[in-house]
Amino acid sequence: MVGGFVLPDLGIRSDAARRRRDFRHALGSFLDLVVVALAGGGGVETALNDAASIGNSWAFALIRRALDGARLARETRGPPLGGWAKSSDR
């Protein structure tokens, strides 16, 4: 009876840990691409959008959605990205 409660929890925790790891990897790749685009003389907006458009994983889709939401809300690009940095420290 106890296994019915513990086993699903372990699976969910394992999936969450894998997704966090995958997102950290994708975010690191995204930031590397932004740095390369900035070093090549591109502007911040162009560098962020170009870097986000390169990846095709769910993590890059999440980054694109956050950047699109910030653009539509006319917010600076920092707050959406800053929130990820804070949550990844946990």
C-alpha atoms as a PDB file:
ATOM      1  CA  MET A   1       0.000   0.000   0.000  1.00  0.00           C
ATOM      2  CA  VAL A   2       2.808   2.425   0.843  1.00  0.00           C
ATOM      3  CA  GLY A   3       4.556   1.698  -2.466  1.00  0.00           C
ATOM      4  CA  GLY A   4       1.546   3.122  -4.283  1.00  0.00           C
ATOM      5  CA  PHE A   5       2.336   6.516  -2.807  1.00  0.00           C
ATOM      6  CA  VAL A   6       6.131   6.389  -2.916  1.00  0.00           C
ATOM      7  CA  LEU A   7       6.800   5.054  -6.427  1.00  0.00           C
ATOM      8  CA  PRO A   8       4.896   7.750  -8.370  1.00  0.00           C
ATOM      9  CA  ASP A   9       6.573  10.410  -6.238  1.00  0.00           C
ATOM     10  CA  LEU A  10      10.021   9.044  -7.052  1.00  0.00           C
ATOM     11  CA  GLY A  11       9.211   9.024 -10.766  1.00  0.00           C
ATOM     12  CA  ILE A  12       8.002  12.624 -10.694  1.00  0.00           C
ATOM     13  CA  ARG A  13      11.065  13.748  -8.773  1.00  0.00           C
ATOM     14  CA  SER A  14      13.330  11.987 -11.242  1.00  0.00           C
ATOM     15  CA  ASP A  15      11.539  13.581 -14.220  1.00  0.00           C
ATOM     16  CA  ALA A  16      11.716  17.024 -12.604  1.00  0.00           C
ATOM     17  CA  ALA A  17      15.441  16.645 -11.911  1.00  0.00           C
ATOM     18  CA  ARG A  18      16.035  15.591 -15.536  1.00  0.00           C
ATOM     19  CA  ARG A  19      14.041  18.551 -16.891  1.00  0.00           C
ATOM     20  CA  ARG A  20      15.907  21.001 -14.627  1.00  0.00           C
ATOM     21  CA  ARG A  21      19.224  19.584 -15.828  1.00  0.00           C
ATOM     22  CA  ASP A  22      18.119  19.790 -19.475  1.00  0.00           C
ATOM     23  CA  PHE A  23      16.918  23.362 -19.013  1.00  0.00           C
ATOM     24  CA  ARG A  24      20.191  24.439 -17.381  1.00  0.00           C
ATOM     25  CA  HIS A  25      22.071  22.953 -20.340  1.00  0.00           C
ATOM     26  CA  ALA A  26      19.805  24.715 -22.865  1.00  0.00           C
ATOM     27  CA  LEU A  27      20.031  28.020 -20.990  1.00  0.00           C
ATOM     28  CA  GLY A  28      23.823  27.780 -20.936  1.00  0.00           C
ATOM     29  CA  SER A  29      23.843  27.124 -24.679  1.00  0.00           C
ATOM     30  CA  PHE A  30      21.449  30.018 -25.246  1.00  0.00           C
ATOM     31  CA  LEU A  31      23.659  32.400 -23.265  1.00  0.00           C
ATOM     32  CA  ASP A  32      26.758  31.227 -25.156  1.00  0.00           C
ATOM     33  CA  LEU A  33      24.965  31.975 -28.432  1.00  0.00           C
ATOM     34  CA  VAL A  34      23.945  35.429 -27.158  1.00  0.00           C
ATOM     35  CA  VAL A  35      27.565  36.221 -26.280  1.00  0.00           C
ATOM     36  CA  VAL A  36      28.745  35.134 -29.735  1.00  0.00           C
ATOM     37  CA  ALA A  37      26.085  37.274 -31.426  1.00  0.00           C
ATOM     38  CA  LEU A  38      26.973  40.285 -29.278  1.00  0.00           C
ATOM     39  CA  ALA A  39      30.678  39.816 -29.992  1.00  0.00           C
ATOM     40  CA  GLY A  40      29.833  39.788 -33.697  1.00  0.00           C
ATOM     41  CA  GLY A  41      28.412  43.287 -33.390  1.00  0.00           C
ATOM     42  CA  GLY A  42      24.724  42.488 -33.109  1.00  0.00           C
ATOM     43  CA  GLY A  43      22.413  44.421 -30.843  1.00  0.00           C
ATOM     44  CA  VAL A  44      20.907  42.966 -27.702  1.00  0.00           C
ATOM     45  CA  GLU A  45      17.442  42.404 -29.220  1.00  0.00           C
ATOM     46  CA  THR A  46      18.888  40.713 -32.284  1.00  0.00           C
ATOM     47  CA  ALA A  47      21.287  38.592 -30.243  1.00  0.00           C
ATOM     48  CA  LEU A  48      18.534  37.343 -27.926  1.00  0.00           C
ATOM     49  CA  ASN A  49      16.091  36.569 -30.726  1.00  0.00           C
ATOM     50  CA  ASP A  50      18.686  34.916 -32.963  1.00  0.00           C
ATOM     51  CA  ALA A  51      20.003  32.764 -30.116  1.00  0.00           C
ATOM     52  CA  ALA A  52      16.497  31.703 -29.085  1.00  0.00           C
ATOM     53  CA  SER A  53      15.559  30.775 -32.647  1.00  0.00           C
ATOM     54  CA  ILE A  54      18.453  28.345 -33.088  1.00  0.00           C
ATOM     55  CA  GLY A  55      17.383  25.647 -30.625  1.00  0.00           C
ATOM     56  CA  ASN A  56      14.405  23.380 -31.212  1.00  0.00           C
ATOM     57  CA  SER A  57      13.988  21.760 -27.782  1.00  0.00           C
ATOM     58  CA  TRP A  58      11.180  22.435 -25.321  1.00  0.00           C
ATOM     59  CA  ALA A  59      13.591  24.578 -23.293  1.00  0.00           C
ATOM     60  CA  PHE A  60      14.343  26.856 -26.240  1.00  0.00           C
ATOM     61  CA  ALA A  61      10.608  27.080 -26.931  1.00  0.00           C
ATOM     62  CA  LEU A  62      10.142  28.238 -23.330  1.00  0.00           C
ATOM     63  CA  ILE A  63      12.884  30.853 -23.759  1.00  0.00           C
ATOM     64  CA  ARG A  64      11.298  32.079 -27.009  1.00  0.00           C
ATOM     65  CA  ARG A  65       7.889  32.298 -25.328  1.00  0.00           C
ATOM     66  CA  ALA A  66       9.329  34.355 -22.446  1.00  0.00           C
ATOM     67  CA  LEU A  67      11.115  36.709 -24.848  1.00  0.00           C
ATOM     68  CA  ASP A  68       7.989  37.068 -27.007  1.00  0.00           C
ATOM     69  CA  GLY A  69       5.896  37.787 -23.914  1.00  0.00           C
ATOM     70  CA  ALA A  70       8.345  40.469 -22.790  1.00  0.00           C
ATOM     71  CA  ARG A  71       8.310  42.011 -26.266  1.00  0.00           C
ATOM     72  CA  LEU A  72       4.508  42.062 -26.411  1.00  0.00           C
ATOM     73  CA  ALA A  73       4.287  43.550 -22.913  1.00  0.00           C
ATOM     74  CA  ARG A  74       6.991  46.068 -23.882  1.00  0.00           C
ATOM     75  CA  GLU A  75       9.125  45.018 -20.947  1.00  0.00           C
ATOM     76  CA  THR A  76      12.890  44.964 -20.917  1.00  0.00           C
ATOM     77  CA  ARG A  77      14.366  41.545 -21.629  1.00  0.00           C
ATOM     78  CA  GLY A  78      16.094  41.335 -18.246  1.00  0.00           C
ATOM     79  CA  PRO A  79      13.191  40.392 -15.932  1.00  0.00           C
ATOM     80  CA  PRO A  80      12.186  37.180 -17.756  1.00  0.00           C
ATOM     81  CA  LEU A  81      15.796  36.020 -17.868  1.00  0.00           C
ATOM     82  CA  GLY A  82      16.516  37.166 -14.310  1.00  0.00           C
ATOM     83  CA  GLY A  83      13.697  35.018 -12.977  1.00  0.00           C
ATOM     84  CA  TRP A  84      15.310  31.906 -14.463  1.00  0.00           C
ATOM     85  CA  ALA A  85      18.628  32.673 -12.842  1.00  0.00           C
ATOM     86  CA  LYS A  86      17.010  32.955  -9.441  1.00  0.00           C
ATOM     87  CA  SER A  87      14.955  29.763  -9.788  1.00  0.00           C
ATOM     88  CA  SER A  88      17.955  27.719 -10.977  1.00  0.00           C
ATOM     89  CA  ASP A  89      19.827  28.529  -7.755  1.00  0.00           C
ATOM     90  CA  ARG A  90      17.349  26.407  -5.791  1.00  0.00           C
END
